Amino acid sequence: MSAVFEKIYEVVMKIPEGRVATYGQVARLAGNERWARVVGYALHNNPLEGIIPCHRVVNRQGRTADTYAFGGGDVQRKLLEAEGIVFDADGSIDLEKYGFQP
């Protein structure tokens, strides 16, 4: 596992249940605001599914990833709803309400 991926996983592990972070936010917290795509690659290659909560990372509009590595956007949405996150009518998450504030 690369050092960059390890930094990303450390940040994602800090996102509490019932909260989400954006790819860009995770990138900034991991040390480089330009790593948003790298965050996506790291989460897609999550070596510890169920331990590293990659389902808690959404895009900047508060939307799930259609390409969520562990079953697609519908699975990601169900995991987030099980944690108490409510989606708006347009399928997005209110980042003001559910956003991770480290």
Protein backbone atom coordinates (compact mmCIF):
# COMPACT_ATOMS: atom_id res chain seq x y z
CA MET A 1 0.00 0.00 0.00
CA SER A 2 1.39 3.41 -0.91
CA ALA A 3 2.09 6.08 1.70
CA VAL A 4 -0.45 8.37 0.01
CA PHE A 5 -3.18 5.73 0.21
CA GLU A 6 -2.31 5.18 3.87
CA LYS A 7 -2.76 8.90 4.59
CA ILE A 8 -6.11 8.82 2.81
CA TYR A 9 -7.28 5.77 4.75
CA GLU A 10 -6.24 7.42 8.04
CA VAL A 11 -8.45 10.41 7.24
CA VAL A 12 -11.41 8.28 6.14
CA MET A 13 -11.18 6.23 9.35
CA LYS A 14 -11.82 9.47 11.29
CA ILE A 15 -15.18 10.18 9.61
CA PRO A 16 -17.74 9.24 12.25
CA GLU A 17 -20.92 7.30 11.67
CA GLY A 18 -23.69 9.56 10.39
CA ARG A 19 -21.27 11.99 8.73
CA VAL A 20 -19.77 12.29 5.26
CA ALA A 21 -16.76 14.00 3.72
CA THR A 22 -16.12 14.95 0.11
CA TYR A 23 -13.26 13.61 -1.98
CA GLY A 24 -11.70 17.08 -1.94
CA GLN A 25 -12.02 17.42 1.80
CA VAL A 26 -10.34 14.04 2.34
CA ALA A 27 -7.58 15.10 -0.07
CA ARG A 28 -6.95 18.34 1.87
CA LEU A 29 -6.93 16.55 5.21
CA ALA A 30 -4.52 13.93 3.80
CA GLY A 31 -2.09 16.65 2.81
CA ASN A 32 -2.76 17.74 -0.77
CA GLU A 33 -5.90 19.41 -2.07
CA ARG A 34 -5.09 18.10 -5.57
CA TRP A 35 -5.50 14.46 -4.53
CA ALA A 36 -9.30 14.28 -4.96
CA ARG A 37 -8.99 11.76 -7.82
CA VAL A 38 -6.36 9.85 -5.88
CA VAL A 39 -8.85 9.60 -3.00
CA GLY A 40 -11.27 7.94 -5.43
CA TYR A 41 -8.61 5.46 -6.55
CA ALA A 42 -7.64 4.68 -2.97
CA LEU A 43 -11.24 4.09 -1.91
CA HIS A 44 -11.90 1.93 -4.96
CA ASN A 45 -8.97 -0.21 -3.84
CA ASN A 46 -9.97 -0.25 -0.16
CA PRO A 47 -8.16 -3.28 1.30
CA LEU A 48 -10.32 -3.37 4.43
CA GLU A 49 -13.95 -3.21 3.33
CA GLY A 50 -16.16 -2.77 6.36
CA ILE A 51 -13.29 -1.34 8.39
CA ILE A 52 -12.27 1.67 6.30
CA PRO A 53 -15.66 3.38 5.84
CA CYS A 54 -15.26 4.45 2.23
CA HIS A 55 -19.03 4.71 1.90
CA ARG A 56 -18.80 7.94 3.93
CA VAL A 57 -17.05 9.79 1.09
CA VAL A 58 -19.25 11.57 -1.45
CA ASN A 59 -18.72 14.07 -4.24
CA ARG A 60 -18.78 17.83 -3.77
CA GLN A 61 -22.52 17.95 -4.53
CA GLY A 62 -23.20 15.48 -1.73
CA ARG A 63 -23.96 12.64 -4.13
CA THR A 64 -22.95 9.00 -3.92
CA ALA A 65 -20.64 7.38 -6.45
CA ASP A 66 -22.31 5.32 -9.17
CA THR A 67 -19.04 3.41 -9.30
CA TYR A 68 -18.90 2.71 -5.55
CA ALA A 69 -16.55 -0.28 -5.45
CA PHE A 70 -18.66 -2.41 -3.14
CA GLY A 71 -21.96 -2.56 -4.99
CA GLY A 72 -22.60 0.80 -6.65
CA GLY A 73 -24.32 4.00 -5.56
CA ASP A 74 -27.45 2.25 -4.33
CA VAL A 75 -25.44 0.19 -1.83
CA GLN A 76 -23.54 3.29 -0.70
CA ARG A 77 -26.83 5.13 -0.19
CA LYS A 78 -28.29 2.26 1.86
CA LEU A 79 -25.19 2.17 4.07
CA LEU A 80 -25.44 5.91 4.70
CA GLU A 81 -29.18 5.77 5.36
CA ALA A 82 -28.55 2.98 7.89
CA GLU A 83 -26.33 5.48 9.73
CA GLY A 84 -29.15 8.03 9.87
CA ILE A 85 -28.25 10.19 6.89
CA VAL A 86 -31.29 11.51 5.05
CA PHE A 87 -31.08 12.22 1.33
CA ASP A 88 -32.80 15.22 -0.25
CA ALA A 89 -35.43 14.70 -2.95
CA ASP A 90 -32.77 15.19 -5.63
CA GLY A 91 -30.66 12.35 -4.21
CA SER A 92 -28.03 14.52 -2.55
CA ILE A 93 -26.93 14.85 1.07
CA ASP A 94 -27.06 18.17 2.91
CA LEU A 95 -23.34 18.70 3.51
CA GLU A 96 -24.05 21.51 5.99
CA LYS A 97 -25.99 19.09 8.14
CA TYR A 98 -24.08 15.82 7.64
CA GLY A 99 -20.63 17.06 6.68
CA PHE A 100 -17.61 15.89 8.67
CA GLN A 101 -16.04 18.67 10.75
CA PRO A 102 -12.66 17.47 12.05
